[in-house]
């Protein structure tokens, strides 16, 4: 008589259990009528404000849910029993193995154990090597020393833009949403002059290359040119607001914004209320303006999708630069050539060439996937563009088909600036950070920001000043303050 093997017996036992499971389900289904009758009796006996029909439907639904859970519970029990049976059978078969087989199993166990140990060692080594790499990066960047030198407080609303003069005396200018522009002493932080000529938010401020004149753009659809005369106060000792520590070692102790109390503006600050020249041609907010090389013409960028070129002496419109599909966000002029770059919300920036008086060429560049917040020239033949797509790209004017460097960040980038002497890009971010990169895209530093210093809200703009002042970088934000920084980046770090 043939002997039934262990595997076939287990299979037959599993089939019988499935049959008994199906019979139990049928028995469950056969009692549905009895359950429905009991439910109706229970509904009639309970006190509830719901209509009887609605309560009956709810009970039917709950009973269906209960049946589904019951079926799942039964299946779970059956599966557990099958797993236990298979485990018992495997254990029984393992006991019938001969000594050689048991030795092989022991060897396999040792091999698997050694393999797991080896994998664990590899993981530990990988983590250690990765930590060394990261720490080496931190050691490299930590040699960049960034010190907060001065805070310029006095505006009653967020500061959109700032700029430093190119002539003596060197002062700092800020443009604010409180409808004013202010001039500050860099060394003392004192307000020297306040411009009150605009009827809307002042979105941009730029200084004439050789004369004491300022150009401001405003939400009142105009751009103003106004003269200023300031006298610098006696410099005072700089308060040591923060120790000179490596930028990357600063810890952000708190992300909470401080209470926005009303900041009283400087009461003894002289003011200018009338513009020397008013430029009117735009049909929307004038978001930015800049001087062309030589200072005889200015260019303005507006939300009416156009940039206008004006003659300063006559205030006449020379050219209207149209072509952008959406609002303009920024404009910038080349420091030594008659070139203009405009950026827009249409994800492009355009290069306008006015070097040949008879030909005004334009080139369109589509290097970003979101709003281009700014595009600026460098002293060399480069353009640096920043975008809300969290990237900054460096372009070569001689070949602008593709960027020569791409910087990827974790936040939208606002109005960037490039150092003339050190060729360092300062990136102000929506997340209140300011980061420094070189022209090849290598990160050099991050400015300190904690609950004691730095910006508490979005950083709108950055501007370099390299005229032997105590501060060589300025930033401003929507926390109503501008900050002056001293950035010391060794030459060896810049070369890397």
Protein backbone atom coordinates (compact mmCIF):
# COMPACT_ATOMS: atom_id res chain seq x y z
CA UNK A 1 0.00 0.00 0.00
CA UNK A 2 1.57 3.32 -1.03
CA UNK A 3 2.57 5.69 1.76
CA UNK A 4 1.32 9.27 1.42
CA UNK A 5 4.10 11.85 1.50
CA UNK A 6 4.12 14.75 3.99
CA UNK A 7 3.67 17.42 1.30
CA UNK A 8 0.59 15.78 -0.28
CA UNK A 9 -0.98 15.33 3.18
CA UNK A 10 -0.46 18.97 3.95
CA UNK A 11 -2.03 19.96 0.62
CA UNK A 12 -5.12 17.78 1.25
CA UNK A 13 -5.46 19.21 4.76
CA UNK A 14 -5.34 22.74 3.35
CA UNK A 15 -8.11 21.86 0.81
CA UNK A 16 -10.33 20.50 3.57
CA UNK A 17 -9.85 23.67 5.60
CA UNK A 18 -10.79 25.80 2.59
CA UNK A 19 -13.99 23.75 2.18
CA UNK A 20 -14.84 24.18 5.85
CA UNK A 21 -14.15 27.91 5.48
CA UNK A 22 -16.58 28.17 2.53
CA UNK A 23 -19.21 26.26 4.51
CA UNK A 24 -18.80 28.65 7.45
CA UNK A 25 -19.32 31.60 5.11
CA UNK A 26 -22.49 29.98 3.70
CA UNK A 27 -23.76 29.44 7.24
CA UNK A 28 -23.06 33.06 7.96
CA UNK A 29 -24.97 34.16 4.86
CA UNK A 30 -27.91 31.92 5.73
CA UNK A 31 -28.48 33.78 8.99
CA UNK A 32 -28.73 37.20 7.31
CA UNK A 33 -32.53 37.13 7.41
CA UNK A 34 -32.50 36.33 11.13
CA UNK A 35 -30.05 39.18 11.75
CA UNK A 36 -32.14 41.67 9.76
CA UNK A 37 -35.21 40.70 11.82
CA UNK A 38 -33.31 41.18 15.05
CA UNK A 39 -32.03 44.54 13.83
CA UNK A 40 -35.54 45.76 13.08
CA UNK A 41 -36.68 44.73 16.56
CA UNK A 42 -33.71 46.55 18.06
CA UNK A 43 -34.43 49.68 16.02
CA UNK A 44 -38.05 49.77 17.13
CA UNK A 45 -37.03 49.37 20.77
CA UNK A 46 -34.33 52.11 20.75
CA UNK A 47 -35.02 55.79 21.28
CA UNK A 48 -33.48 57.88 18.46
CA UNK A 49 -34.33 61.07 16.58
CA UNK A 50 -33.31 59.56 13.23
CA UNK A 51 -36.08 58.31 10.91
CA UNK A 52 -36.64 54.59 10.98
CA UNK A 53 -35.77 54.18 7.28
CA UNK A 54 -32.47 56.00 7.69
CA UNK A 55 -31.59 53.98 10.78
CA UNK A 56 -32.43 50.79 8.93
CA UNK A 57 -30.12 51.74 6.03
CA UNK A 58 -27.34 52.54 8.49
CA UNK A 59 -27.77 49.20 10.24
CA UNK A 60 -27.66 47.39 6.89
CA UNK A 61 -24.44 49.15 5.97
CA UNK A 62 -22.88 48.38 9.36
CA UNK A 63 -23.90 44.76 9.08
CA UNK A 64 -22.24 44.52 5.65
CA UNK A 65 -19.08 46.03 7.08
CA UNK A 66 -19.22 43.57 9.95
CA UNK A 67 -19.55 40.64 7.54
CA UNK A 68 -16.53 41.84 5.53
CA UNK A 69 -14.43 42.11 8.67
CA UNK A 70 -15.64 38.69 9.78
CA UNK A 71 -14.58 37.12 6.49
CA UNK A 72 -11.18 38.80 6.69
CA UNK A 73 -10.77 37.62 10.26
CA UNK A 74 -11.60 34.01 9.30
CA UNK A 75 -9.18 34.11 6.37
CA UNK A 76 -6.49 35.49 8.64
CA UNK A 77 -6.99 32.64 11.11
CA UNK A 78 -6.83 30.04 8.32
CA UNK A 79 -3.63 31.54 6.93
CA UNK A 80 -2.04 31.52 10.36
CA UNK A 81 -2.94 27.84 10.79
CA UNK A 82 -1.44 26.99 7.39
CA UNK A 83 1.75 28.87 8.24
CA UNK A 84 2.04 27.01 11.54
CA UNK A 85 1.49 23.66 9.77
CA UNK A 86 4.20 24.42 7.19
CA UNK A 87 6.61 25.51 9.93
CA UNK A 88 5.96 22.29 11.85
CA UNK A 89 6.53 20.20 8.70
CA UNK A 90 9.76 22.01 7.89
CA UNK A 91 10.97 21.52 11.44
CA UNK A 92 10.12 17.79 11.31
CA UNK A 93 11.96 17.39 7.97
CA UNK A 94 14.97 19.20 9.38
CA UNK A 95 15.24 16.66 12.20
CA UNK A 96 15.41 13.75 9.71
CA UNK A 97 18.48 15.22 8.00
CA UNK A 98 21.69 13.34 8.36
CA UNK A 99 24.76 14.72 9.99
CA UNK A 100 26.20 15.94 6.71
CA UNK A 101 23.07 17.88 5.93
CA UNK A 102 23.02 19.40 9.38
CA UNK A 103 26.64 20.42 8.91
CA UNK A 104 25.77 22.06 5.62
CA UNK A 105 22.92 23.92 7.33
CA UNK A 106 25.28 25.07 10.04
CA UNK A 107 27.76 26.21 7.41
CA UNK A 108 25.00 28.09 5.62
CA UNK A 109 23.99 29.74 8.89
CA UNK A 110 27.58 30.77 9.54
CA UNK A 111 27.92 32.07 5.98
CA UNK A 112 24.76 34.13 6.21
CA UNK A 113 25.90 35.47 9.59
CA UNK A 114 29.32 36.44 8.21
CA UNK A 115 27.65 38.03 5.16
CA UNK A 116 25.42 40.14 7.38
CA UNK A 117 28.48 41.18 9.40
CA UNK A 118 30.32 42.10 6.21
CA UNK A 119 27.39 44.16 4.93
CA UNK A 120 27.19 45.92 8.29
CA UNK A 121 30.90 46.72 8.11
CA UNK A 122 30.47 48.07 4.60
CA UNK A 123 27.60 50.28 5.75
CA UNK A 124 29.63 51.56 8.68
CA UNK A 125 32.62 52.28 6.44
CA UNK A 126 30.39 54.05 3.91
CA UNK A 127 28.84 56.22 6.59
CA UNK A 128 32.24 57.08 7.99
CA UNK A 129 33.65 57.99 4.57
CA UNK A 130 30.56 60.07 3.79
CA UNK A 131 30.89 61.90 7.10
CA UNK A 132 34.55 62.60 6.30
CA UNK A 133 33.59 64.00 2.91
CA UNK A 134 30.89 66.23 4.40
CA UNK A 135 33.19 67.38 7.18
CA UNK A 136 35.88 68.21 4.61
CA UNK A 137 33.37 70.35 2.74
CA UNK A 138 32.46 72.12 5.97
CA UNK A 139 36.13 72.69 6.75
CA UNK A 140 36.61 74.26 3.33
CA UNK A 141 33.63 76.60 3.55
CA UNK A 142 34.21 77.48 7.17
CA UNK A 143 37.26 79.53 6.23
CA UNK A 144 34.93 82.15 4.76
CA UNK A 145 34.37 84.65 7.57
CA UNK A 146 31.17 86.72 7.53
CA UNK A 147 30.53 89.35 10.17
CA UNK A 148 27.37 91.39 10.69
CA UNK A 149 28.61 94.97 11.07
CA UNK A 150 25.63 97.30 11.01
CA UNK A 151 21.84 97.34 10.86
CA UNK A 152 19.98 100.18 9.14
CA UNK A 153 16.56 100.53 10.74
CA UNK A 154 14.01 103.27 10.06
CA UNK A 155 11.64 102.23 7.28
CA UNK A 156 8.02 101.57 8.19
CA UNK A 157 7.56 98.78 5.63
CA UNK A 158 9.56 96.19 3.75
CA UNK A 159 12.65 97.20 1.78
CA UNK A 160 12.61 96.07 -1.84
CA UNK A 161 15.97 97.30 -3.10
CA UNK A 162 19.24 98.87 -2.02
CA UNK A 163 22.37 100.21 -3.66
CA UNK A 164 25.63 101.96 -2.77
CA UNK A 165 26.90 105.10 -4.45
CA UNK A 166 29.76 104.91 -6.94
CA UNK A 167 31.15 108.35 -6.02
CA UNK A 168 32.30 110.07 -2.84
CA UNK A 169 30.79 110.34 -0.31
CA UNK A 170 29.92 106.64 -0.29
CA UNK A 171 26.42 106.18 1.11
CA UNK A 172 23.81 103.43 1.11
CA UNK A 173 20.40 103.92 -0.51
CA UNK A 174 17.27 101.90 0.27
CA UNK A 175 13.90 101.74 -1.49
CA UNK A 176 10.88 100.75 0.57
CA UNK A 177 7.22 99.87 0.26
CA UNK A 178 6.50 102.75 2.68
CA UNK A 179 6.70 105.15 -0.34
CA UNK A 180 10.13 106.49 0.67
CA UNK A 181 13.78 106.11 -0.26
CA UNK A 182 16.49 106.75 2.30
CA UNK A 183 20.21 107.48 2.21
CA UNK A 184 22.32 106.13 5.08
CA UNK A 185 25.78 106.60 6.49
CA UNK A 186 27.47 103.23 6.06
CA UNK A 187 29.80 103.71 9.01
CA UNK A 188 27.31 104.99 11.60
CA UNK A 189 23.95 103.63 10.39
CA UNK A 190 22.41 107.11 10.61
CA UNK A 191 19.80 108.29 8.09
CA UNK A 192 21.21 111.19 6.06
CA UNK A 193 18.33 111.97 3.70
CA UNK A 194 14.79 110.84 2.97
CA UNK A 195 13.11 111.13 -0.46
CA UNK A 196 9.33 111.66 -0.27
CA UNK A 197 8.47 112.38 -3.91
CA UNK A 198 6.70 109.13 -4.83
CA UNK A 199 3.03 108.32 -4.32
CA UNK A 200 3.53 104.56 -4.31
CA UNK A 201 5.92 101.86 -3.21
CA UNK A 202 9.54 102.63 -4.14
CA UNK A 203 10.73 99.46 -5.87
CA UNK A 204 14.25 100.33 -7.00
CA UNK A 205 17.10 102.76 -6.35
CA UNK A 206 20.28 103.28 -8.39
CA UNK A 207 22.93 106.03 -8.23
CA UNK A 208 24.44 108.04 -11.08
CA UNK A 209 27.94 106.82 -12.01
CA UNK A 210 29.62 110.21 -11.53
CA UNK A 211 27.17 112.75 -10.04
CA UNK A 212 25.15 112.97 -6.83
CA UNK A 213 21.88 111.90 -8.40
CA UNK A 214 19.58 108.99 -7.60
CA UNK A 215 17.12 107.13 -9.85
CA UNK A 216 14.08 105.55 -8.20
CA UNK A 217 11.25 103.48 -9.70
CA UNK A 218 7.83 103.33 -8.09
CA UNK A 219 4.44 101.71 -8.08
CA UNK A 220 2.93 105.10 -9.00
CA UNK A 221 3.92 104.26 -12.64
CA UNK A 222 6.78 106.78 -12.71
CA UNK A 223 10.54 106.90 -12.30
CA UNK A 224 12.17 109.90 -10.60
CA UNK A 225 15.64 111.40 -10.88
CA UNK A 226 16.53 113.55 -7.89
CA UNK A 227 19.65 115.26 -6.59
CA UNK A 228 21.01 114.89 -3.10
CA UNK A 229 23.64 116.56 -0.93
CA UNK A 230 24.72 114.81 2.24
CA UNK A 231 27.37 115.31 4.88
CA UNK A 232 28.74 112.24 6.54
CA UNK A 233 28.76 112.20 10.35
CA UNK A 234 31.87 111.43 12.36
CA UNK A 235 32.48 107.67 12.33
CA UNK A 236 31.90 105.88 15.63
CA UNK A 237 33.49 102.65 16.90
CA UNK A 238 31.78 99.62 15.44
CA UNK A 239 29.88 97.59 18.01
CA UNK A 240 30.92 93.97 17.94
CA UNK A 241 27.44 92.60 17.14
CA UNK A 242 28.76 89.14 16.41
CA UNK A 243 32.07 87.41 16.81
CA UNK A 244 33.94 86.64 13.62
CA UNK A 245 32.90 83.06 13.21
CA UNK A 246 32.81 80.84 10.16
CA UNK A 247 29.50 81.28 8.34
CA UNK A 248 28.57 77.61 8.24
CA UNK A 249 28.94 77.21 12.01
CA UNK A 250 26.11 79.62 12.80
CA UNK A 251 23.07 77.85 14.18
CA UNK A 252 19.54 79.03 13.59
CA UNK A 253 18.16 78.85 17.10
CA UNK A 254 14.68 80.06 16.27
CA UNK A 255 12.60 80.40 13.14
CA UNK A 256 9.93 82.48 14.85
CA UNK A 257 9.44 86.01 13.58
CA UNK A 258 9.73 88.71 16.15
CA UNK A 259 6.74 90.90 16.81
CA UNK A 260 6.36 93.58 14.18
CA UNK A 261 6.14 96.71 16.22
CA UNK A 262 5.89 100.10 14.59
CA UNK A 263 9.43 101.26 13.90
CA UNK A 264 9.74 104.98 14.32
CA UNK A 265 11.56 106.56 11.40
CA UNK A 266 14.35 109.09 11.92
CA UNK A 267 12.72 112.37 12.96
CA UNK A 268 15.74 114.63 12.38
CA UNK A 269 16.48 113.30 8.89
CA UNK A 270 16.30 115.99 6.15
CA UNK A 271 14.02 115.24 3.21
CA UNK A 272 13.65 115.92 -0.50
CA UNK A 273 10.09 116.13 -1.86
CA UNK A 274 10.47 117.24 -5.49
CA UNK A 275 12.15 115.29 -8.29
CA UNK A 276 14.51 116.92 -10.75
CA UNK A 277 13.10 114.80 -13.58
CA UNK A 278 9.94 112.67 -13.71
CA UNK A 279 9.72 109.93 -16.34
CA UNK A 280 6.14 109.13 -17.36
CA UNK A 281 5.29 106.66 -20.10
CA UNK A 282 4.42 103.39 -18.42
CA UNK A 283 0.90 102.08 -17.92
CA UNK A 284 1.77 99.93 -14.92
CA UNK A 285 4.02 99.61 -11.91
CA UNK A 286 7.65 100.55 -12.63
CA UNK A 287 9.49 97.72 -10.91
CA UNK A 288 13.12 98.65 -11.66
CA UNK A 289 15.34 101.29 -13.29
CA UNK A 290 19.05 101.71 -14.04
CA UNK A 291 21.53 104.13 -15.62
CA UNK A 292 23.20 103.34 -18.92
CA UNK A 293 26.97 103.70 -19.09
CA UNK A 294 27.83 107.40 -19.02
CA UNK A 295 24.67 108.37 -17.15
CA UNK A 296 22.99 110.23 -20.03
CA UNK A 297 20.21 107.67 -20.48
CA UNK A 298 18.19 105.46 -18.16
CA UNK A 299 16.14 102.32 -18.70
CA UNK A 300 13.00 101.40 -16.77
CA UNK A 301 11.14 98.08 -16.49
CA UNK A 302 7.42 97.88 -15.83
CA UNK A 303 4.52 95.54 -15.24
CA UNK A 304 3.06 96.79 -18.54
CA UNK A 305 5.43 94.24 -20.20
CA UNK A 306 7.70 96.93 -21.64
CA UNK A 307 11.06 98.51 -20.83
CA UNK A 308 11.58 102.16 -21.77
CA UNK A 309 14.79 103.98 -22.64
CA UNK A 310 14.80 107.69 -21.72
CA UNK A 311 17.06 110.65 -22.33
CA UNK A 312 17.95 112.13 -18.95
CA UNK A 313 18.38 115.74 -20.10
CA UNK A 314 15.12 116.01 -22.03
CA UNK A 315 13.17 113.22 -20.20
CA UNK A 316 11.92 112.07 -23.60
CA UNK A 317 11.20 108.45 -24.47
CA UNK A 318 13.89 107.22 -26.85
CA UNK A 319 12.90 103.56 -27.30
CA UNK A 320 10.18 101.28 -26.01
CA UNK A 321 11.54 97.75 -25.61
CA UNK A 322 8.61 95.39 -26.11
CA UNK A 323 8.41 91.65 -26.60
CA UNK A 324 8.00 90.09 -23.17
CA UNK A 325 4.78 88.13 -22.74
CA UNK A 326 4.30 88.95 -19.06
CA UNK A 327 5.27 91.54 -16.45
CA UNK A 328 8.91 92.57 -16.17
CA UNK A 329 10.66 91.95 -12.87
CA UNK A 330 14.06 93.62 -13.26
CA UNK A 331 16.43 95.44 -15.59
CA UNK A 332 20.18 95.91 -15.49
CA UNK A 333 22.78 97.73 -17.59
CA UNK A 334 26.33 96.72 -18.45
CA UNK A 335 28.97 98.72 -16.51
CA UNK A 336 31.10 99.54 -19.59
CA UNK A 337 28.97 98.86 -22.69
CA UNK A 338 25.56 99.96 -23.99
CA UNK A 339 23.86 96.68 -23.17
CA UNK A 340 20.62 96.13 -21.25
CA UNK A 341 19.19 92.90 -19.87
CA UNK A 342 15.53 92.62 -18.81
CA UNK A 343 13.91 89.74 -16.93
CA UNK A 344 10.26 88.78 -16.81
CA UNK A 345 7.63 86.50 -15.34
CA UNK A 346 7.41 84.80 -18.75
CA UNK A 347 10.47 82.68 -17.67
CA UNK A 348 12.81 84.48 -20.10
CA UNK A 349 15.33 87.28 -20.03
CA UNK A 350 16.27 89.45 -23.01
CA UNK A 351 19.54 91.07 -24.00
CA UNK A 352 19.17 94.45 -25.76
CA UNK A 353 22.19 95.81 -27.67
CA UNK A 354 22.46 99.58 -28.22
CA UNK A 355 26.14 99.69 -29.14
CA UNK A 356 25.35 100.38 -32.80
CA UNK A 357 23.11 103.48 -33.04
CA UNK A 358 21.50 102.24 -36.27
CA UNK A 359 20.78 98.68 -35.07
CA UNK A 360 19.04 97.69 -31.85
CA UNK A 361 19.25 93.92 -31.64
CA UNK A 362 17.56 91.73 -29.05
CA UNK A 363 18.22 88.15 -28.00
CA UNK A 364 15.78 86.00 -26.03
CA UNK A 365 17.06 83.39 -23.57
CA UNK A 366 14.88 80.63 -22.17
CA UNK A 367 17.00 79.07 -19.46
CA UNK A 368 14.51 78.89 -16.60
CA UNK A 369 11.17 77.22 -15.88
CA UNK A 370 9.68 79.94 -13.65
CA UNK A 371 9.80 83.71 -13.18
CA UNK A 372 13.24 85.20 -13.80
CA UNK A 373 13.53 87.53 -10.82
CA UNK A 374 16.75 89.23 -11.93
CA UNK A 375 19.54 89.09 -14.49
CA UNK A 376 22.73 91.10 -13.97
CA UNK A 377 25.97 91.74 -15.83
CA UNK A 378 29.43 91.11 -14.45
CA UNK A 379 32.54 93.13 -15.19
CA UNK A 380 33.59 90.47 -17.69
CA UNK A 381 31.49 88.94 -20.44
CA UNK A 382 29.00 87.13 -18.23
CA UNK A 383 25.34 87.40 -17.30
CA UNK A 384 24.00 85.83 -14.09
CA UNK A 385 20.27 85.09 -13.90
CA UNK A 386 18.20 84.06 -10.88
CA UNK A 387 14.72 82.59 -10.83
CA UNK A 388 11.81 81.40 -8.75
CA UNK A 389 12.63 77.91 -10.05
CA UNK A 390 15.35 77.87 -7.34
CA UNK A 391 18.25 78.03 -9.77
CA UNK A 392 20.90 80.58 -10.67
CA UNK A 393 22.70 80.31 -14.00
CA UNK A 394 25.90 81.89 -15.26
CA UNK A 395 26.01 82.69 -19.00
CA UNK A 396 28.78 83.70 -21.39
CA UNK A 397 27.83 86.68 -23.56
CA UNK A 398 29.83 85.26 -26.44
CA UNK A 399 27.94 81.96 -26.39
CA UNK A 400 24.60 82.05 -24.61
CA UNK A 401 23.15 78.83 -25.95
CA UNK A 402 23.68 77.05 -22.63
CA UNK A 403 24.84 78.20 -19.18
CA UNK A 404 28.44 77.65 -18.17
CA UNK A 405 27.37 77.03 -14.55
CA UNK A 406 24.10 76.19 -12.79
CA UNK A 407 23.53 76.72 -9.06
CA UNK A 408 20.63 74.79 -7.53
CA UNK A 409 19.16 76.03 -4.25
CA UNK A 410 16.34 75.11 -1.89
CA UNK A 411 14.39 78.38 -2.19
CA UNK A 412 13.34 81.00 -4.71
CA UNK A 413 16.07 83.52 -5.57
CA UNK A 414 15.43 87.27 -5.52
CA UNK A 415 17.58 90.17 -6.77
CA UNK A 416 21.14 88.91 -6.98
CA UNK A 417 24.38 90.87 -7.19
CA UNK A 418 27.95 90.07 -8.27
CA UNK A 419 31.07 91.44 -6.63
CA UNK A 420 33.23 93.47 -9.00
CA UNK A 421 36.59 92.61 -7.45
CA UNK A 422 36.07 89.10 -6.09
CA UNK A 423 33.45 87.94 -8.64
CA UNK A 424 31.25 86.43 -5.93
CA UNK A 425 27.51 85.99 -6.42
CA UNK A 426 25.26 86.90 -3.48
CA UNK A 427 21.91 85.09 -3.53
CA UNK A 428 19.05 86.44 -1.37
CA UNK A 429 16.31 83.87 -0.79
CA UNK A 430 12.66 83.73 0.16
CA UNK A 431 13.59 81.49 3.10
CA UNK A 432 15.54 84.36 4.75
CA UNK A 433 18.94 82.94 3.84
CA UNK A 434 21.76 84.64 1.90
CA UNK A 435 24.31 82.38 0.22
CA UNK A 436 27.56 83.18 -1.59
CA UNK A 437 28.86 81.32 -4.65
CA UNK A 438 31.73 81.81 -7.05
CA UNK A 439 31.28 82.13 -10.81
CA UNK A 440 31.81 78.40 -11.35
CA UNK A 441 28.91 77.52 -9.06
CA UNK A 442 30.92 76.48 -5.99
CA UNK A 443 29.30 77.44 -2.69
CA UNK A 444 31.54 79.65 -0.57
CA UNK A 445 29.47 80.63 2.45
CA UNK A 446 26.10 81.23 4.03
CA UNK A 447 25.55 84.44 5.97
CA UNK A 448 24.72 83.95 9.65
CA UNK A 449 21.06 83.92 10.61
CA UNK A 450 19.79 83.12 14.08
CA UNK A 451 17.41 84.54 16.64
CA UNK A 452 20.03 87.15 17.46
CA UNK A 453 21.09 88.41 14.04
CA UNK A 454 20.26 88.27 10.35
CA UNK A 455 16.99 88.71 8.51
CA UNK A 456 13.72 87.52 10.01
CA UNK A 457 11.74 87.58 6.79
CA UNK A 458 12.24 87.25 3.03
CA UNK A 459 15.52 88.76 1.80
CA UNK A 460 14.65 90.86 -1.25
CA UNK A 461 17.96 92.15 -2.56
CA UNK A 462 21.74 92.12 -2.17
CA UNK A 463 24.30 94.72 -3.24
CA UNK A 464 28.10 94.84 -3.10
CA UNK A 465 30.17 97.87 -2.15
CA UNK A 466 33.95 97.67 -2.53
CA UNK A 467 35.08 101.21 -1.78
CA UNK A 468 37.11 100.51 1.37
CA UNK A 469 34.16 100.79 3.74
CA UNK A 470 33.57 98.66 6.81
CA UNK A 471 30.83 96.77 4.93
CA UNK A 472 31.32 95.21 1.51
CA UNK A 473 27.93 93.50 1.20
CA UNK A 474 24.45 94.80 1.97
CA UNK A 475 21.18 92.91 2.14
CA UNK A 476 17.62 94.05 2.72
CA UNK A 477 14.35 92.29 3.35
CA UNK A 478 10.75 92.53 4.27
CA UNK A 479 11.65 92.73 7.97
CA UNK A 480 12.06 96.51 7.35
CA UNK A 481 15.81 96.57 7.81
CA UNK A 482 18.99 96.61 5.77
CA UNK A 483 22.13 94.90 7.05
CA UNK A 484 25.76 95.61 6.33
CA UNK A 485 28.17 92.66 6.28
CA UNK A 486 31.92 92.28 6.16
CA UNK A 487 32.78 89.30 3.95
CA UNK A 488 36.32 87.95 4.12
CA UNK A 489 36.91 85.09 1.70
CA UNK A 490 40.56 84.02 1.32
CA UNK A 491 42.05 83.96 -2.14
CA UNK A 492 42.81 80.23 -1.91
CA UNK A 493 39.14 79.50 -1.26
CA UNK A 494 38.08 81.59 -4.26
CA UNK A 495 40.52 79.75 -6.49
CA UNK A 496 38.98 76.43 -5.46
